[in-house]
Amino acid sequence: MTYNNDNLTRRLEAVRDRLRRAEKRFGREEAAVALVAVSKTRPAEAIRACAEAGQQLFGESYLQEATDKVTALFGLNLQWHFIGPIQSNKTRPIAENFQWVHSVDRLKIARRLSEQRPEGIPPLNICLQVNVSGEVSKSGAGLDELPNLAHEVTALPNLRLRGLMCIPAPADDFEKQREPFRKLREAKTALQRDGLDLDTLSMGMSHDLEAAVAEGATMVRIGTAIFGPRNYR
């Protein structure tokens, strides 16, 4: 796909405006919600155009493609977020190249990320992916197993547990969109009451951004609304 940089930056600005309007509508502080531009399957040139328009946070899911882009765009002061499923044999390059991982759903993966995080760089910021909808086909820790997992991850030396992430089943009704996000917010609140220092809710995509902001999102992950329809592999 060929990208028109002017169109790309216009769409990026439209998403930023949409996010600010949602913050105002739901009583959130201005700029309380960070925008992660989901750039998986998108070329480095599109990311560079967004970076030139002031976007710094980018989300990737395909590891080899992502590390190629990290290398190609080195020096742009970008913050890389891994948001896809994690296989055990892929943890080292994730630990070496990313600043955030949103999709940790089991202790084995967290331990490997901690062990393989290079010395001399800050701890890796972690969100635990939670299966708030209880879908068998979806990744994520169950709400019942979340407290034990969170406490175990918090104890790992080279990670910093920041919060929770979810990818709920799509819904068209606004109130139905809010329900899983509400569950994630309540899970975060329960963990905070249990002594964990969490500050992040990674939730909301192009179709349900407003519902996520209404329920307390601190990061939204937006791809299609910025880059256009995705060409899946």
Protein backbone atom coordinates (compact mmCIF):
# COMPACT_ATOMS: atom_id res chain seq x y z
CA MET A 1 0.00 0.00 0.00
CA THR A 2 1.23 3.49 -0.91
CA TYR A 3 0.67 6.14 1.75
CA ASN A 4 -0.18 9.76 1.09
CA ASN A 5 1.54 11.50 3.96
CA ASP A 6 -0.90 14.41 3.97
CA ASN A 7 -3.87 12.04 4.26
CA LEU A 8 -2.08 10.04 6.93
CA THR A 9 -1.34 13.06 9.09
CA ARG A 10 -4.91 14.32 8.63
CA ARG A 11 -6.28 11.00 9.87
CA LEU A 12 -3.85 11.06 12.79
CA GLU A 13 -4.99 14.54 13.74
CA ALA A 14 -8.64 13.48 13.42
CA VAL A 15 -8.01 10.63 15.88
CA ARG A 16 -6.28 13.00 18.29
CA ASP A 17 -9.25 15.35 18.07
CA ARG A 18 -11.65 12.45 18.63
CA LEU A 19 -9.66 11.41 21.69
CA ARG A 20 -9.65 14.92 23.17
CA ARG A 21 -13.41 15.26 22.60
CA ALA A 22 -13.99 11.93 24.34
CA GLU A 23 -11.89 13.07 27.30
CA LYS A 24 -13.94 16.24 27.59
CA ARG A 25 -17.26 14.40 27.18
CA PHE A 26 -16.52 11.91 29.95
CA GLY A 27 -14.89 14.26 32.43
CA ARG A 28 -11.34 13.10 31.91
CA GLU A 29 -8.38 15.47 32.17
CA GLU A 30 -7.03 16.73 28.87
CA ALA A 31 -4.31 14.41 27.50
CA ALA A 32 -5.10 11.81 30.19
CA VAL A 33 -5.26 9.12 27.49
CA ALA A 34 -2.17 8.26 25.45
CA LEU A 35 -2.48 7.26 21.81
CA VAL A 36 -0.64 4.14 20.65
CA ALA A 37 -0.63 4.05 16.85
CA VAL A 38 -0.96 0.38 15.88
CA SER A 39 1.51 0.14 13.02
CA LYS A 40 1.65 -3.64 12.49
CA THR A 41 1.75 -4.49 8.75
CA ARG A 42 2.46 -0.82 7.98
CA PRO A 43 5.74 0.26 6.35
CA ALA A 44 8.43 2.22 8.11
CA GLU A 45 7.67 5.19 5.85
CA ALA A 46 4.15 5.47 7.29
CA ILE A 47 5.52 5.38 10.82
CA ARG A 48 8.06 8.04 9.92
CA ALA A 49 5.29 10.29 8.58
CA CYS A 50 3.36 9.90 11.84
CA ALA A 51 6.52 10.59 13.82
CA GLU A 52 7.05 13.80 11.86
CA ALA A 53 3.52 14.78 12.91
CA GLY A 54 4.46 14.27 16.57
CA GLN A 55 3.37 10.67 17.19
CA GLN A 56 5.86 8.74 19.36
CA LEU A 57 4.06 5.59 20.60
CA PHE A 58 3.71 2.71 18.14
CA GLY A 59 2.24 -0.76 18.63
CA GLU A 60 3.52 -3.88 16.84
CA SER A 61 2.46 -7.54 16.85
CA TYR A 62 4.68 -9.32 14.30
CA LEU A 63 8.12 -9.65 15.79
CA GLN A 64 10.44 -9.86 12.77
CA GLU A 65 8.62 -7.05 11.00
CA ALA A 66 8.72 -4.99 14.18
CA THR A 67 12.44 -5.42 14.85
CA ASP A 68 13.19 -4.47 11.24
CA LYS A 69 11.26 -1.23 11.74
CA VAL A 70 12.90 -0.54 15.12
CA THR A 71 16.27 -0.77 13.33
CA ALA A 72 15.17 1.27 10.30
CA LEU A 73 13.75 4.07 12.44
CA PHE A 74 16.47 4.14 15.09
CA GLY A 75 17.19 7.70 16.18
CA LEU A 76 13.60 8.98 15.92
CA ASN A 77 13.05 8.65 19.69
CA LEU A 78 10.03 6.40 19.26
CA GLN A 79 8.48 4.27 22.01
CA TRP A 80 7.74 0.72 20.90
CA HIS A 81 4.87 -1.29 22.36
CA PHE A 82 4.50 -5.03 21.71
CA ILE A 83 0.78 -5.83 21.65
CA GLY A 84 0.57 -9.27 20.05
CA PRO A 85 0.61 -12.88 21.28
CA ILE A 86 3.97 -13.94 22.70
CA GLN A 87 5.61 -17.29 22.05
CA SER A 88 8.29 -18.50 24.45
CA ASN A 89 10.97 -18.56 21.75
CA LYS A 90 10.30 -14.90 20.86
CA THR A 91 10.77 -13.30 24.27
CA ARG A 92 14.43 -12.29 23.90
CA PRO A 93 14.03 -9.88 20.97
CA ILE A 94 10.92 -8.45 22.62
CA ALA A 95 12.85 -7.86 25.86
CA GLU A 96 15.70 -6.28 23.90
CA ASN A 97 13.76 -3.98 21.54
CA PHE A 98 10.56 -2.82 23.22
CA GLN A 99 9.79 -0.39 26.03
CA TRP A 100 6.29 -1.78 26.71
CA VAL A 101 4.61 -5.17 26.41
CA HIS A 102 0.81 -5.19 26.66
CA SER A 103 0.12 -8.88 26.09
CA VAL A 104 1.64 -10.85 28.98
CA ASP A 105 -0.87 -13.48 30.07
CA ARG A 106 1.19 -16.09 31.92
CA LEU A 107 4.05 -16.21 34.37
CA LYS A 108 6.38 -18.21 32.13
CA ILE A 109 6.46 -15.38 29.58
CA ALA A 110 6.96 -12.73 32.25
CA ARG A 111 9.88 -14.64 33.74
CA ARG A 112 11.60 -14.99 30.38
CA LEU A 113 11.13 -11.28 29.61
CA SER A 114 12.65 -10.41 33.00
CA GLU A 115 15.59 -12.77 32.57
CA GLN A 116 16.30 -11.57 29.03
CA ARG A 117 15.94 -7.82 29.59
CA PRO A 118 19.42 -6.39 28.91
CA GLU A 119 21.35 -4.81 31.75
CA GLY A 120 21.75 -1.07 31.76
CA ILE A 121 18.34 -0.15 30.38
CA PRO A 122 15.14 0.63 32.31
CA PRO A 123 12.78 -2.15 33.38
CA LEU A 124 10.33 -3.36 30.76
CA ASN A 125 6.85 -1.88 31.28
CA ILE A 126 4.26 -4.65 31.43
CA CYS A 127 0.49 -4.86 31.09
CA LEU A 128 -1.25 -8.13 31.84
CA GLN A 129 -3.71 -9.16 29.16
CA VAL A 130 -7.03 -10.12 30.70
CA ASN A 131 -9.77 -12.17 29.03
CA VAL A 132 -12.63 -10.06 30.36
CA SER A 133 -15.23 -11.63 28.06
CA GLY A 134 -14.42 -15.21 29.05
CA GLU A 135 -14.08 -16.24 25.38
CA VAL A 136 -12.35 -19.58 24.91
CA SER A 137 -10.76 -18.36 21.69
CA LYS A 138 -9.25 -15.25 23.25
CA SER A 139 -5.85 -14.90 24.89
CA GLY A 140 -5.55 -13.45 28.34
CA ALA A 141 -5.56 -14.40 31.98
CA GLY A 142 -8.93 -15.04 33.58
CA LEU A 143 -10.21 -12.58 36.14
CA ASP A 144 -9.99 -15.29 38.81
CA GLU A 145 -6.31 -15.99 38.19
CA LEU A 146 -5.32 -12.35 37.73
CA PRO A 147 -4.46 -11.46 41.38
CA ASN A 148 -1.91 -14.27 41.79
CA LEU A 149 -0.37 -13.56 38.40
CA ALA A 150 -0.11 -9.83 39.12
CA HIS A 151 1.66 -10.35 42.43
CA GLU A 152 4.09 -12.84 40.90
CA VAL A 153 4.93 -10.53 38.00
CA THR A 154 5.42 -7.59 40.35
CA ALA A 155 8.19 -9.55 42.10
CA LEU A 156 10.25 -10.02 38.92
CA PRO A 157 13.34 -7.80 38.92
CA ASN A 158 13.58 -6.39 35.40
CA LEU A 159 9.90 -5.70 34.81
CA ARG A 160 7.57 -2.96 35.99
CA LEU A 161 3.94 -4.01 36.13
CA ARG A 162 2.02 -0.93 34.97
CA GLY A 163 -1.52 -2.21 34.50
CA LEU A 164 -3.97 -4.27 32.47
CA MET A 165 -4.97 -4.74 28.84
CA CYS A 166 -7.96 -6.32 27.12
CA ILE A 167 -9.31 -7.03 23.63
CA PRO A 168 -13.04 -7.60 24.16
CA ALA A 169 -15.46 -9.07 21.67
CA PRO A 170 -16.67 -6.42 19.20
CA ALA A 171 -20.01 -4.76 19.97
CA ASP A 172 -21.99 -2.05 18.21
CA ASP A 173 -24.02 -0.84 21.19
CA PHE A 174 -22.19 1.79 23.25
CA GLU A 175 -23.27 0.42 26.62
CA LYS A 176 -22.27 -3.10 25.59
CA GLN A 177 -18.88 -1.74 24.56
CA ARG A 178 -18.45 -0.26 28.02
CA GLU A 179 -19.15 -3.48 29.94
CA PRO A 180 -15.82 -5.29 29.39
CA PHE A 181 -13.88 -2.07 29.90
CA ARG A 182 -15.70 -1.57 33.19
CA LYS A 183 -14.66 -5.06 34.26
CA LEU A 184 -11.02 -4.27 33.47
CA ARG A 185 -11.19 -1.00 35.39
CA GLU A 186 -12.71 -2.77 38.38
CA ALA A 187 -10.00 -5.44 38.22
CA LYS A 188 -7.32 -2.75 38.28
CA THR A 189 -9.00 -1.03 41.24
CA ALA A 190 -9.10 -4.33 43.15
CA LEU A 191 -5.38 -4.89 42.54
CA GLN A 192 -4.62 -1.35 43.69
CA ARG A 193 -6.55 -1.99 46.90
CA ASP A 194 -4.43 -5.10 47.30
CA GLY A 195 -1.30 -2.96 47.34
CA LEU A 196 -0.18 -2.97 43.70
CA ASP A 197 0.98 0.33 42.20
CA LEU A 198 -0.81 0.31 38.83
CA ASP A 199 -1.46 3.30 36.59
CA THR A 200 -2.38 1.90 33.17
CA LEU A 201 -5.49 0.60 31.41
CA SER A 202 -4.67 -0.30 27.80
CA MET A 203 -8.08 -0.65 26.16
CA GLY A 204 -10.02 0.72 23.23
CA MET A 205 -9.47 0.56 19.49
CA SER A 206 -10.76 2.39 16.44
CA HIS A 207 -14.39 1.23 16.83
CA ASP A 208 -14.77 1.63 20.61
CA LEU A 209 -12.38 4.41 21.61
CA GLU A 210 -15.08 6.49 23.29
CA ALA A 211 -16.37 3.63 25.43
CA ALA A 212 -12.84 2.91 26.63
CA VAL A 213 -12.23 6.55 27.54
CA ALA A 214 -15.53 6.61 29.41
CA GLU A 215 -14.36 3.67 31.55
CA GLY A 216 -10.93 5.03 32.39
CA ALA A 217 -8.55 4.01 29.61
CA THR A 218 -5.10 5.54 29.90
CA MET A 219 -3.93 4.14 26.54
CA VAL A 220 -5.94 3.43 23.41
CA ARG A 221 -4.53 1.33 20.56
CA ILE A 222 -5.63 2.78 17.20
CA GLY A 223 -4.68 1.35 13.82
CA THR A 224 -7.37 1.48 11.15
CA ALA A 225 -8.58 5.01 11.94
CA ILE A 226 -5.02 6.28 11.42
CA PHE A 227 -3.58 4.07 8.68
CA GLY A 228 -6.73 2.90 6.87
CA PRO A 229 -7.94 -0.69 6.37
CA ARG A 230 -5.27 -3.29 7.04
CA ASN A 231 -3.98 -5.75 4.49
CA TYR A 232 -3.79 -8.95 6.53
CA ARG A 233 -1.20 -11.55 5.72
